[in-house]
Amino acid sequence: MKLKRQQQGLTFFGLLIVGILLAYSGVILAQVAPTYIEYIAVQKAVDKASAGSTVAEVRSIFDKAAAIDDIRTITGKDLAVGKEGDRVVVSFAYVREIHLAGPAHLVMKYEGRSK
């Protein structure tokens, strides 16, 4: 009597579930990636803006950099400008929400400061 070899692998239903989960993860990643890219652009603009000597100048430099990099989430008015010793420190914080399904949202909190 020969023993049957046990089959290995995914069933069609299992493959369907895995495919749906991967597709949904891809959609979420496609929505998260632009917010992170914008955060990096904001951080670069804040670093440029910290070269200003007055609050108005810092905000103006940031707004010009934001116009070039197409930053729409935050403006120069939203920046907190202060001094540490003899250097200007610019900090920011903002929240982005991504709708997932029904009442569920993915909340991303971004914050940073000039170097």
PDB file of N, CA and C in Angstrom:
ATOM      1  N   MET A   1       0.835  -1.165   0.000  1.00  0.00           N
ATOM      2  CA  MET A   1       0.000   0.000   0.000  1.00  0.00           C
ATOM      3  C   MET A   1       0.898   1.253   0.000  1.00  0.00           C
ATOM      4  N   LYS A   2       0.648   2.106  -0.935  1.00  0.00           N
ATOM      5  CA  LYS A   2       1.434   3.329  -1.033  1.00  0.00           C
ATOM      6  C   LYS A   2       0.774   4.415  -0.192  1.00  0.00           C
ATOM      7  N   LEU A   3       1.613   5.190   0.500  1.00  0.00           N
ATOM      8  CA  LEU A   3       1.093   6.323   1.261  1.00  0.00           C
ATOM      9  C   LEU A   3       0.966   7.529   0.345  1.00  0.00           C
ATOM     10  N   LYS A   4      -0.130   8.239   0.506  1.00  0.00           N
ATOM     11  CA  LYS A   4      -0.317   9.441  -0.302  1.00  0.00           C
ATOM     12  C   LYS A   4       0.589  10.544   0.228  1.00  0.00           C
ATOM     13  N   ARG A   5       1.163  11.231  -0.679  1.00  0.00           N
ATOM     14  CA  ARG A   5       1.996  12.360  -0.324  1.00  0.00           C
ATOM     15  C   ARG A   5       1.085  13.531   0.059  1.00  0.00           C
ATOM     16  N   GLN A   6       1.404  14.199   1.161  1.00  0.00           N
ATOM     17  CA  GLN A   6       0.562  15.306   1.596  1.00  0.00           C
ATOM     18  C   GLN A   6       0.799  16.519   0.708  1.00  0.00           C
ATOM     19  N   GLN A   7      -0.265  17.166   0.328  1.00  0.00           N
ATOM     20  CA  GLN A   7      -0.142  18.342  -0.521  1.00  0.00           C
ATOM     21  C   GLN A   7       0.261  19.537   0.322  1.00  0.00           C
ATOM     22  N   GLN A   8       1.024  20.413  -0.281  1.00  0.00           N
ATOM     23  CA  GLN A   8       1.448  21.626   0.396  1.00  0.00           C
ATOM     24  C   GLN A   8       1.098  22.817  -0.473  1.00  0.00           C
ATOM     25  N   GLY A   9       0.892  23.963   0.157  1.00  0.00           N
ATOM     26  CA  GLY A   9       0.604  25.179  -0.592  1.00  0.00           C
ATOM     27  C   GLY A   9      -0.668  25.850  -0.124  1.00  0.00           C
ATOM     28  N   LEU A  10      -1.026  26.902  -0.828  1.00  0.00           N
ATOM     29  CA  LEU A  10      -2.204  27.689  -0.502  1.00  0.00           C
ATOM     30  C   LEU A  10      -3.403  27.205  -1.309  1.00  0.00           C
ATOM     31  N   THR A  11      -4.536  27.284  -0.710  1.00  0.00           N
ATOM     32  CA  THR A  11      -5.762  27.026  -1.453  1.00  0.00           C
ATOM     33  C   THR A  11      -6.120  28.297  -2.219  1.00  0.00           C
ATOM     34  N   PHE A  12      -7.064  28.206  -3.121  1.00  0.00           N
ATOM     35  CA  PHE A  12      -7.488  29.382  -3.866  1.00  0.00           C
ATOM     36  C   PHE A  12      -8.058  30.436  -2.926  1.00  0.00           C
ATOM     37  N   PHE A  13      -8.822  30.009  -1.935  1.00  0.00           N
ATOM     38  CA  PHE A  13      -9.408  30.944  -0.975  1.00  0.00           C
ATOM     39  C   PHE A  13      -8.297  31.636  -0.170  1.00  0.00           C
ATOM     40  N   GLY A  14      -7.302  30.892   0.242  1.00  0.00           N
ATOM     41  CA  GLY A  14      -6.174  31.481   0.974  1.00  0.00           C
ATOM     42  C   GLY A  14      -5.411  32.467   0.116  1.00  0.00           C
ATOM     43  N   LEU A  15      -5.211  32.116  -1.141  1.00  0.00           N
ATOM     44  CA  LEU A  15      -4.529  33.011  -2.071  1.00  0.00           C
ATOM     45  C   LEU A  15      -5.331  34.290  -2.278  1.00  0.00           C
ATOM     46  N   LEU A  16      -6.641  34.165  -2.339  1.00  0.00           N
ATOM     47  CA  LEU A  16      -7.507  35.323  -2.496  1.00  0.00           C
ATOM     48  C   LEU A  16      -7.396  36.260  -1.286  1.00  0.00           C
ATOM     49  N   ILE A  17      -7.414  35.709  -0.091  1.00  0.00           N
ATOM     50  CA  ILE A  17      -7.285  36.519   1.139  1.00  0.00           C
ATOM     51  C   ILE A  17      -5.934  37.226   1.173  1.00  0.00           C
ATOM     52  N   VAL A  18      -4.866  36.506   0.873  1.00  0.00           N
ATOM     53  CA  VAL A  18      -3.530  37.110   0.872  1.00  0.00           C
ATOM     54  C   VAL A  18      -3.454  38.218  -0.175  1.00  0.00           C
ATOM     55  N   GLY A  19      -4.036  38.004  -1.330  1.00  0.00           N
ATOM     56  CA  GLY A  19      -4.034  39.018  -2.379  1.00  0.00           C
ATOM     57  C   GLY A  19      -4.782  40.275  -1.971  1.00  0.00           C
ATOM     58  N   ILE A  20      -5.926  40.096  -1.334  1.00  0.00           N
ATOM     59  CA  ILE A  20      -6.711  41.250  -0.869  1.00  0.00           C
ATOM     60  C   ILE A  20      -5.945  42.023   0.190  1.00  0.00           C
ATOM     61  N   LEU A  21      -5.310  41.327   1.131  1.00  0.00           N
ATOM     62  CA  LEU A  21      -4.527  42.005   2.175  1.00  0.00           C
ATOM     63  C   LEU A  21      -3.342  42.760   1.574  1.00  0.00           C
ATOM     64  N   LEU A  22      -2.662  42.164   0.619  1.00  0.00           N
ATOM     65  CA  LEU A  22      -1.542  42.849  -0.029  1.00  0.00           C
ATOM     66  C   LEU A  22      -2.014  44.073  -0.812  1.00  0.00           C
ATOM     67  N   ALA A  23      -3.129  43.962  -1.501  1.00  0.00           N
ATOM     68  CA  ALA A  23      -3.665  45.099  -2.251  1.00  0.00           C
ATOM     69  C   ALA A  23      -4.066  46.238  -1.312  1.00  0.00           C
ATOM     70  N   TYR A  24      -4.723  45.903  -0.209  1.00  0.00           N
ATOM     71  CA  TYR A  24      -5.135  46.926   0.756  1.00  0.00           C
ATOM     72  C   TYR A  24      -3.914  47.595   1.392  1.00  0.00           C
ATOM     73  N   SER A  25      -2.894  46.794   1.702  1.00  0.00           N
ATOM     74  CA  SER A  25      -1.658  47.353   2.255  1.00  0.00           C
ATOM     75  C   SER A  25      -0.990  48.284   1.246  1.00  0.00           C
ATOM     76  N   GLY A  26      -1.027  47.926  -0.023  1.00  0.00           N
ATOM     77  CA  GLY A  26      -0.461  48.777  -1.064  1.00  0.00           C
ATOM     78  C   GLY A  26      -1.192  50.099  -1.195  1.00  0.00           C
ATOM     79  N   VAL A  27      -2.505  50.061  -1.064  1.00  0.00           N
ATOM     80  CA  VAL A  27      -3.298  51.295  -1.137  1.00  0.00           C
ATOM     81  C   VAL A  27      -2.962  52.210   0.043  1.00  0.00           C
ATOM     82  N   ILE A  28      -2.844  51.641   1.222  1.00  0.00           N
ATOM     83  CA  ILE A  28      -2.498  52.440   2.401  1.00  0.00           C
ATOM     84  C   ILE A  28      -1.097  53.019   2.256  1.00  0.00           C
ATOM     85  N   LEU A  29      -0.152  52.224   1.806  1.00  0.00           N
ATOM     86  CA  LEU A  29       1.216  52.697   1.601  1.00  0.00           C
ATOM     87  C   LEU A  29       1.260  53.817   0.565  1.00  0.00           C
ATOM     88  N   ALA A  30       0.440  53.703  -0.469  1.00  0.00           N
ATOM     89  CA  ALA A  30       0.387  54.742  -1.494  1.00  0.00           C
ATOM     90  C   ALA A  30      -0.170  56.059  -0.943  1.00  0.00           C
ATOM     91  N   GLN A  31      -0.945  56.003   0.116  1.00  0.00           N
ATOM     92  CA  GLN A  31      -1.465  57.220   0.742  1.00  0.00           C
ATOM     93  C   GLN A  31      -0.514  57.761   1.799  1.00  0.00           C
ATOM     94  N   VAL A  32       0.257  56.890   2.441  1.00  0.00           N
ATOM     95  CA  VAL A  32       1.179  57.314   3.499  1.00  0.00           C
ATOM     96  C   VAL A  32       2.456  57.911   2.911  1.00  0.00           C
ATOM     97  N   ALA A  33       2.967  57.354   1.832  1.00  0.00           N
ATOM     98  CA  ALA A  33       4.241  57.785   1.259  1.00  0.00           C
ATOM     99  C   ALA A  33       4.273  59.285   0.927  1.00  0.00           C
ATOM    100  N   PRO A  34       3.247  59.865   0.294  1.00  0.00           N
ATOM    101  CA  PRO A  34       3.300  61.309   0.014  1.00  0.00           C
ATOM    102  C   PRO A  34       3.348  62.176   1.276  1.00  0.00           C
ATOM    103  N   THR A  35       2.703  61.737   2.348  1.00  0.00           N
ATOM    104  CA  THR A  35       2.750  62.534   3.580  1.00  0.00           C
ATOM    105  C   THR A  35       4.150  62.524   4.174  1.00  0.00           C
ATOM    106  N   TYR A  36       4.843  61.392   4.066  1.00  0.00           N
ATOM    107  CA  TYR A  36       6.214  61.321   4.585  1.00  0.00           C
ATOM    108  C   TYR A  36       7.158  62.133   3.703  1.00  0.00           C
ATOM    109  N   ILE A  37       6.960  62.096   2.396  1.00  0.00           N
ATOM    110  CA  ILE A  37       7.783  62.896   1.485  1.00  0.00           C
ATOM    111  C   ILE A  37       7.580  64.383   1.762  1.00  0.00           C
ATOM    112  N   GLU A  38       6.331  64.763   2.046  1.00  0.00           N
ATOM    113  CA  GLU A  38       6.054  66.164   2.389  1.00  0.00           C
ATOM    114  C   GLU A  38       6.724  66.537   3.707  1.00  0.00           C
ATOM    115  N   TYR A  39       6.728  65.625   4.671  1.00  0.00           N
ATOM    116  CA  TYR A  39       7.402  65.875   5.944  1.00  0.00           C
ATOM    117  C   TYR A  39       8.893  66.148   5.718  1.00  0.00           C
ATOM    118  N   ILE A  40       9.528  65.380   4.859  1.00  0.00           N
ATOM    119  CA  ILE A  40      10.945  65.600   4.569  1.00  0.00           C
ATOM    120  C   ILE A  40      11.147  66.973   3.924  1.00  0.00           C
ATOM    121  N   ALA A  41      10.234  67.371   3.026  1.00  0.00           N
ATOM    122  CA  ALA A  41      10.314  68.690   2.406  1.00  0.00           C
ATOM    123  C   ALA A  41      10.124  69.795   3.433  1.00  0.00           C
ATOM    124  N   VAL A  42       9.206  69.601   4.384  1.00  0.00           N
ATOM    125  CA  VAL A  42       8.999  70.580   5.454  1.00  0.00           C
ATOM    126  C   VAL A  42      10.265  70.702   6.297  1.00  0.00           C
ATOM    127  N   GLN A  43      10.880  69.579   6.615  1.00  0.00           N
ATOM    128  CA  GLN A  43      12.102  69.600   7.423  1.00  0.00           C
ATOM    129  C   GLN A  43      13.210  70.376   6.705  1.00  0.00           C
ATOM    130  N   LYS A  44      13.359  70.177   5.390  1.00  0.00           N
ATOM    131  CA  LYS A  44      14.372  70.917   4.622  1.00  0.00           C
ATOM    132  C   LYS A  44      14.061  72.411   4.603  1.00  0.00           C
ATOM    133  N   ALA A  45      12.783  72.748   4.432  1.00  0.00           N
ATOM    134  CA  ALA A  45      12.385  74.156   4.403  1.00  0.00           C
ATOM    135  C   ALA A  45      12.622  74.821   5.758  1.00  0.00           C
ATOM    136  N   VAL A  46      12.380  74.077   6.841  1.00  0.00           N
ATOM    137  CA  VAL A  46      12.612  74.616   8.188  1.00  0.00           C
ATOM    138  C   VAL A  46      14.104  74.838   8.405  1.00  0.00           C
ATOM    139  N   ASP A  47      14.924  73.918   7.923  1.00  0.00           N
ATOM    140  CA  ASP A  47      16.377  74.097   8.053  1.00  0.00           C
ATOM    141  C   ASP A  47      16.847  75.331   7.292  1.00  0.00           C
ATOM    142  N   LYS A  48      16.276  75.573   6.098  1.00  0.00           N
ATOM    143  CA  LYS A  48      16.618  76.785   5.340  1.00  0.00           C
ATOM    144  C   LYS A  48      16.138  78.031   6.071  1.00  0.00           C
ATOM    145  N   ALA A  49      14.929  77.946   6.621  1.00  0.00           N
ATOM    146  CA  ALA A  49      14.329  79.114   7.275  1.00  0.00           C
ATOM    147  C   ALA A  49      15.075  79.513   8.539  1.00  0.00           C
ATOM    148  N   SER A  50      15.759  78.587   9.171  1.00  0.00           N
ATOM    149  CA  SER A  50      16.465  78.923  10.414  1.00  0.00           C
ATOM    150  C   SER A  50      17.645  79.860  10.174  1.00  0.00           C
ATOM    151  N   ALA A  51      17.969  80.132   8.921  1.00  0.00           N
ATOM    152  CA  ALA A  51      19.033  81.090   8.604  1.00  0.00           C
ATOM    153  C   ALA A  51      18.563  82.528   8.800  1.00  0.00           C
ATOM    154  N   GLY A  52      17.264  82.735   8.888  1.00  0.00           N
ATOM    155  CA  GLY A  52      16.727  84.081   9.101  1.00  0.00           C
ATOM    156  C   GLY A  52      17.034  84.588  10.495  1.00  0.00           C
ATOM    157  N   SER A  53      17.050  85.915  10.638  1.00  0.00           N
ATOM    158  CA  SER A  53      17.394  86.499  11.944  1.00  0.00           C
ATOM    159  C   SER A  53      16.169  87.000  12.714  1.00  0.00           C
ATOM    160  N   THR A  54      15.072  87.301  12.011  1.00  0.00           N
ATOM    161  CA  THR A  54      13.846  87.739  12.689  1.00  0.00           C
ATOM    162  C   THR A  54      12.738  86.725  12.404  1.00  0.00           C
ATOM    163  N   VAL A  55      11.686  86.804  13.198  1.00  0.00           N
ATOM    164  CA  VAL A  55      10.558  85.883  13.024  1.00  0.00           C
ATOM    165  C   VAL A  55       9.919  86.078  11.651  1.00  0.00           C
ATOM    166  N   ALA A  56       9.734  87.321  11.240  1.00  0.00           N
ATOM    167  CA  ALA A  56       9.124  87.606   9.931  1.00  0.00           C
ATOM    168  C   ALA A  56      10.002  87.066   8.801  1.00  0.00           C
ATOM    169  N   GLU A  57      11.303  87.213   8.935  1.00  0.00           N
ATOM    170  CA  GLU A  57      12.213  86.728   7.900  1.00  0.00           C
ATOM    171  C   GLU A  57      12.203  85.192   7.833  1.00  0.00           C
ATOM    172  N   VAL A  58      12.168  84.545   8.996  1.00  0.00           N
ATOM    173  CA  VAL A  58      12.111  83.083   9.046  1.00  0.00           C
ATOM    174  C   VAL A  58      10.846  82.591   8.360  1.00  0.00           C
ATOM    175  N   ARG A  59       9.724  83.193   8.658  1.00  0.00           N
ATOM    176  CA  ARG A  59       8.452  82.772   8.061  1.00  0.00           C
ATOM    177  C   ARG A  59       8.427  83.042   6.555  1.00  0.00           C
ATOM    178  N   SER A  60       9.011  84.150   6.133  1.00  0.00           N
ATOM    179  CA  SER A  60       9.075  84.474   4.709  1.00  0.00           C
ATOM    180  C   SER A  60       9.945  83.463   3.958  1.00  0.00           C
ATOM    181  N   ILE A  61      11.097  83.117   4.514  1.00  0.00           N
ATOM    182  CA  ILE A  61      11.980  82.125   3.885  1.00  0.00           C
ATOM    183  C   ILE A  61      11.261  80.777   3.787  1.00  0.00           C
ATOM    184  N   PHE A  62      10.564  80.395   4.856  1.00  0.00           N
ATOM    185  CA  PHE A  62       9.837  79.125   4.835  1.00  0.00           C
ATOM    186  C   PHE A  62       8.743  79.138   3.772  1.00  0.00           C
ATOM    187  N   ASP A  63       7.982  80.231   3.697  1.00  0.00           N
ATOM    188  CA  ASP A  63       6.891  80.304   2.722  1.00  0.00           C
ATOM    189  C   ASP A  63       7.416  80.225   1.289  1.00  0.00           C
ATOM    190  N   LYS A  64       8.566  80.832   1.027  1.00  0.00           N
ATOM    191  CA  LYS A  64       9.158  80.755  -0.309  1.00  0.00           C
ATOM    192  C   LYS A  64       9.593  79.317  -0.613  1.00  0.00           C
ATOM    193  N   ALA A  65      10.217  78.663   0.343  1.00  0.00           N
ATOM    194  CA  ALA A  65      10.635  77.269   0.151  1.00  0.00           C
ATOM    195  C   ALA A  65       9.415  76.359   0.022  1.00  0.00           C
ATOM    196  N   ALA A  66       8.351  76.664   0.753  1.00  0.00           N
ATOM    197  CA  ALA A  66       7.128  75.862   0.684  1.00  0.00           C
ATOM    198  C   ALA A  66       6.460  76.005  -0.681  1.00  0.00           C
ATOM    199  N   ALA A  67       6.532  77.192  -1.264  1.00  0.00           N
ATOM    200  CA  ALA A  67       5.957  77.392  -2.599  1.00  0.00           C
ATOM    201  C   ALA A  67       6.734  76.589  -3.639  1.00  0.00           C
ATOM    202  N   ILE A  68       8.036  76.523  -3.498  1.00  0.00           N
ATOM    203  CA  ILE A  68       8.867  75.779  -4.449  1.00  0.00           C
ATOM    204  C   ILE A  68       8.619  74.275  -4.306  1.00  0.00           C
ATOM    205  N   ASP A  69       8.565  73.779  -3.067  1.00  0.00           N
ATOM    206  CA  ASP A  69       8.415  72.341  -2.818  1.00  0.00           C
ATOM    207  C   ASP A  69       6.957  71.886  -2.750  1.00  0.00           C
ATOM    208  N   ASP A  70       6.004  72.793  -2.994  1.00  0.00           N
ATOM    209  CA  ASP A  70       4.571  72.479  -2.989  1.00  0.00           C
ATOM    210  C   ASP A  70       4.111  71.898  -1.651  1.00  0.00           C
ATOM    211  N   ILE A  71       4.475  72.590  -0.577  1.00  0.00           N
ATOM    212  CA  ILE A  71       4.060  72.198   0.774  1.00  0.00           C
ATOM    213  C   ILE A  71       2.742  72.914   1.073  1.00  0.00           C
ATOM    214  N   ARG A  72       1.695  72.132   1.321  1.00  0.00           N
ATOM    215  CA  ARG A  72       0.372  72.720   1.561  1.00  0.00           C
ATOM    216  C   ARG A  72      -0.143  72.478   2.975  1.00  0.00           C
ATOM    217  N   THR A  73       0.495  71.601   3.711  1.00  0.00           N
ATOM    218  CA  THR A  73       0.011  71.221   5.029  1.00  0.00           C
ATOM    219  C   THR A  73       0.287  72.284   6.089  1.00  0.00           C
ATOM    220  N   ILE A  74       1.388  72.968   5.962  1.00  0.00           N
ATOM    221  CA  ILE A  74       1.824  73.902   6.991  1.00  0.00           C
ATOM    222  C   ILE A  74       2.327  75.179   6.315  1.00  0.00           C
ATOM    223  N   THR A  75       2.143  76.311   6.985  1.00  0.00           N
ATOM    224  CA  THR A  75       2.615  77.595   6.459  1.00  0.00           C
ATOM    225  C   THR A  75       3.576  78.225   7.453  1.00  0.00           C
ATOM    226  N   GLY A  76       4.132  79.341   7.073  1.00  0.00           N
ATOM    227  CA  GLY A  76       5.066  80.052   7.949  1.00  0.00           C
ATOM    228  C   GLY A  76       4.425  80.492   9.253  1.00  0.00           C
ATOM    229  N   LYS A  77       3.117  80.738   9.230  1.00  0.00           N
ATOM    230  CA  LYS A  77       2.410  81.161  10.450  1.00  0.00           C
ATOM    231  C   LYS A  77       2.337  80.042  11.488  1.00  0.00           C
ATOM    232  N   ASP A  78       2.443  78.793  11.025  1.00  0.00           N
ATOM    233  CA  ASP A  78       2.338  77.644  11.928  1.00  0.00           C
ATOM    234  C   ASP A  78       3.653  77.280  12.608  1.00  0.00           C
ATOM    235  N   LEU A  79       4.729  77.967  12.264  1.00  0.00           N
ATOM    236  CA  LEU A  79       6.039  77.658  12.835  1.00  0.00           C
ATOM    237  C   LEU A  79       6.214  78.307  14.197  1.00  0.00           C
ATOM    238  N   ALA A  80       6.934  77.631  15.064  1.00  0.00           N
ATOM    239  CA  ALA A  80       7.323  78.208  16.354  1.00  0.00           C
ATOM    240  C   ALA A  80       8.794  78.592  16.240  1.00  0.00           C
ATOM    241  N   VAL A  81       9.059  79.882  16.386  1.00  0.00           N
ATOM    242  CA  VAL A  81      10.414  80.394  16.216  1.00  0.00           C
ATOM    243  C   VAL A  81      10.942  80.840  17.574  1.00  0.00           C
ATOM    244  N   GLY A  82      12.135  80.394  17.910  1.00  0.00           N
ATOM    245  CA  GLY A  82      12.745  80.766  19.179  1.00  0.00           C
ATOM    246  C   GLY A  82      14.250  80.838  19.025  1.00  0.00           C
ATOM    247  N   LYS A  83      14.914  81.111  20.136  1.00  0.00           N
ATOM    248  CA  LYS A  83      16.373  81.180  20.124  1.00  0.00           C
ATOM    249  C   LYS A  83      16.937  80.273  21.195  1.00  0.00           C
ATOM    250  N   GLU A  84      18.021  79.616  20.857  1.00  0.00           N
ATOM    251  CA  GLU A  84      18.798  78.849  21.823  1.00  0.00           C
ATOM    252  C   GLU A  84      20.220  79.380  21.738  1.00  0.00           C
ATOM    253  N   GLY A  85      20.594  80.156  22.733  1.00  0.00           N
ATOM    254  CA  GLY A  85      21.906  80.802  22.681  1.00  0.00           C
ATOM    255  C   GLY A  85      21.900  81.868  21.614  1.00  0.00           C
ATOM    256  N   ASP A  86      22.774  81.726  20.627  1.00  0.00           N
ATOM    257  CA  ASP A  86      22.860  82.723  19.564  1.00  0.00           C
ATOM    258  C   ASP A  86      22.259  82.251  18.246  1.00  0.00           C
ATOM    259  N   ARG A  87      21.650  81.076  18.224  1.00  0.00           N
ATOM    260  CA  ARG A  87      21.099  80.575  16.968  1.00  0.00           C
ATOM    261  C   ARG A  87      19.571  80.511  17.008  1.00  0.00           C
ATOM    262  N   VAL A  88      18.963  80.660  15.847  1.00  0.00           N
ATOM    263  CA  VAL A  88      17.508  80.626  15.702  1.00  0.00           C
ATOM    264  C   VAL A  88      17.080  79.166  15.562  1.00  0.00           C
ATOM    265  N   VAL A  89      16.065  78.787  16.345  1.00  0.00           N
ATOM    266  CA  VAL A  89      15.525  77.426  16.288  1.00  0.00           C
ATOM    267  C   VAL A  89      14.071  77.514  15.826  1.00  0.00           C
ATOM    268  N   VAL A  90      13.772  76.771  14.774  1.00  0.00           N
ATOM    269  CA  VAL A  90      12.426  76.753  14.206  1.00  0.00           C
ATOM    270  C   VAL A  90      11.860  75.354  14.415  1.00  0.00           C
ATOM    271  N   SER A  91      10.664  75.276  14.992  1.00  0.00           N
ATOM    272  CA  SER A  91      10.039  73.967  15.205  1.00  0.00           C
ATOM    273  C   SER A  91       8.625  73.970  14.625  1.00  0.00           C
ATOM    274  N   PHE A  92       8.129  72.769  14.362  1.00  0.00           N
ATOM    275  CA  PHE A  92       6.805  72.622  13.764  1.00  0.00           C
ATOM    276  C   PHE A  92       6.186  71.320  14.253  1.00  0.00           C
ATOM    277  N   ALA A  93       4.868  71.249  14.156  1.00  0.00           N
ATOM    278  CA  ALA A  93       4.121  70.028  14.465  1.00  0.00           C
ATOM    279  C   ALA A  93       2.782  70.114  13.735  1.00  0.00           C
ATOM    280  N   TYR A  94       2.403  69.001  13.127  1.00  0.00           N
ATOM    281  CA  TYR A  94       1.109  68.944  12.453  1.00  0.00           C
ATOM    282  C   TYR A  94       0.635  67.498  12.385  1.00  0.00           C
ATOM    283  N   VAL A  95      -0.645  67.338  12.080  1.00  0.00           N
ATOM    284  CA  VAL A  95      -1.279  66.020  12.055  1.00  0.00           C
ATOM    285  C   VAL A  95      -1.876  65.792  10.669  1.00  0.00           C
ATOM    286  N   ARG A  96      -1.702  64.586  10.143  1.00  0.00           N
ATOM    287  CA  ARG A  96      -2.334  64.180   8.887  1.00  0.00           C
ATOM    288  C   ARG A  96      -3.195  62.960   9.166  1.00  0.00           C
ATOM    289  N   GLU A  97      -4.401  62.949   8.636  1.00  0.00           N
ATOM    290  CA  GLU A  97      -5.312  61.816   8.797  1.00  0.00           C
ATOM    291  C   GLU A  97      -5.559  61.173   7.443  1.00  0.00           C
ATOM    292  N   ILE A  98      -5.517  59.849   7.426  1.00  0.00           N
ATOM    293  CA  ILE A  98      -5.800  59.097   6.214  1.00  0.00           C
ATOM    294  C   ILE A  98      -6.987  58.195   6.504  1.00  0.00           C
ATOM    295  N   HIS A  99      -8.032  58.335   5.705  1.00  0.00           N
ATOM    296  CA  HIS A  99      -9.240  57.531   5.904  1.00  0.00           C
ATOM    297  C   HIS A  99      -8.970  56.098   5.461  1.00  0.00           C
ATOM    298  N   LEU A 100      -9.273  55.137   6.324  1.00  0.00           N
ATOM    299  CA  LEU A 100      -9.083  53.727   5.989  1.00  0.00           C
ATOM    300  C   LEU A 100     -10.381  53.097   5.519  1.00  0.00           C
ATOM    301  N   ALA A 101     -11.352  52.990   6.410  1.00  0.00           N
ATOM    302  CA  ALA A 101     -12.652  52.415   6.056  1.00  0.00           C
ATOM    303  C   ALA A 101     -13.642  52.769   7.149  1.00  0.00           C
ATOM    304  N   GLY A 102     -14.835  53.149   6.754  1.00  0.00           N
ATOM    305  CA  GLY A 102     -15.867  53.486   7.737  1.00  0.00           C
ATOM    306  C   GLY A 102     -15.384  54.584   8.672  1.00  0.00           C
ATOM    307  N   PRO A 103     -15.468  54.354   9.978  1.00  0.00           N
ATOM    308  CA  PRO A 103     -15.022  55.380  10.914  1.00  0.00           C
ATOM    309  C   PRO A 103     -13.526  55.298  11.233  1.00  0.00           C
ATOM    310  N   ALA A 104     -12.800  54.400  10.613  1.00  0.00           N
ATOM    311  CA  ALA A 104     -11.380  54.197  10.927  1.00  0.00           C
ATOM    312  C   ALA A 104     -10.483  55.152  10.127  1.00  0.00           C
ATOM    313  N   HIS A 105      -9.552  55.795  10.833  1.00  0.00           N
ATOM    314  CA  HIS A 105      -8.579  56.694  10.226  1.00  0.00           C
ATOM    315  C   HIS A 105      -7.187  56.330  10.738  1.00  0.00           C
ATOM    316  N   LEU A 106      -6.207  56.558   9.902  1.00  0.00           N
ATOM    317  CA  LEU A 106      -4.812  56.430  10.310  1.00  0.00           C
ATOM    318  C   LEU A 106      -4.326  57.840  10.594  1.00  0.00           C
ATOM    319  N   VAL A 107      -3.927  58.111  11.841  1.00  0.00           N
ATOM    320  CA  VAL A 107      -3.496  59.441  12.245  1.00  0.00           C
ATOM    321  C   VAL A 107      -1.978  59.452  12.323  1.00  0.00           C
ATOM    322  N   MET A 108      -1.380  60.372  11.583  1.00  0.00           N
ATOM    323  CA  MET A 108       0.077  60.501  11.567  1.00  0.00           C
ATOM    324  C   MET A 108       0.432  61.871  12.134  1.00  0.00           C
ATOM    325  N   LYS A 109       1.237  61.869  13.180  1.00  0.00           N
ATOM    326  CA  LYS A 109       1.650  63.107  13.821  1.00  0.00           C
ATOM    327  C   LYS A 109       3.114  63.365  13.447  1.00  0.00           C
ATOM    328  N   TYR A 110       3.326  64.481  12.779  1.00  0.00           N
ATOM    329  CA  TYR A 110       4.675  64.856  12.373  1.00  0.00           C
ATOM    330  C   TYR A 110       5.124  66.045  13.198  1.00  0.00           C
ATOM    331  N   GLU A 111       6.356  66.008  13.653  1.00  0.00           N
ATOM    332  CA  GLU A 111       6.938  67.150  14.359  1.00  0.00           C
ATOM    333  C   GLU A 111       8.433  67.153  14.121  1.00  0.00           C
ATOM    334  N   GLY A 112       9.015  68.329  14.229  1.00  0.00           N
ATOM    335  CA  GLY A 112      10.454  68.445  14.021  1.00  0.00           C
ATOM    336  C   GLY A 112      10.929  69.835  14.363  1.00  0.00           C
ATOM    337  N   ARG A 113      12.234  70.018  14.214  1.00  0.00           N
ATOM    338  CA  ARG A 113      12.834  71.320  14.479  1.00  0.00           C
ATOM    339  C   ARG A 113      14.102  71.444  13.665  1.00  0.00           C
ATOM    340  N   SER A 114      14.552  72.674  13.533  1.00  0.00           N
ATOM    341  CA  SER A 114      15.747  72.922  12.737  1.00  0.00           C
ATOM    342  C   SER A 114      16.967  72.350  13.427  1.00  0.00           C
ATOM    343  N   LYS A 115      17.958  72.059  12.609  1.00  0.00           N
ATOM    344  CA  LYS A 115      19.200  71.490  13.139  1.00  0.00           C
ATOM    345  C   LYS A 115      20.150  72.546  13.593  1.00  0.00           C
TER     346      LYS A 115
END
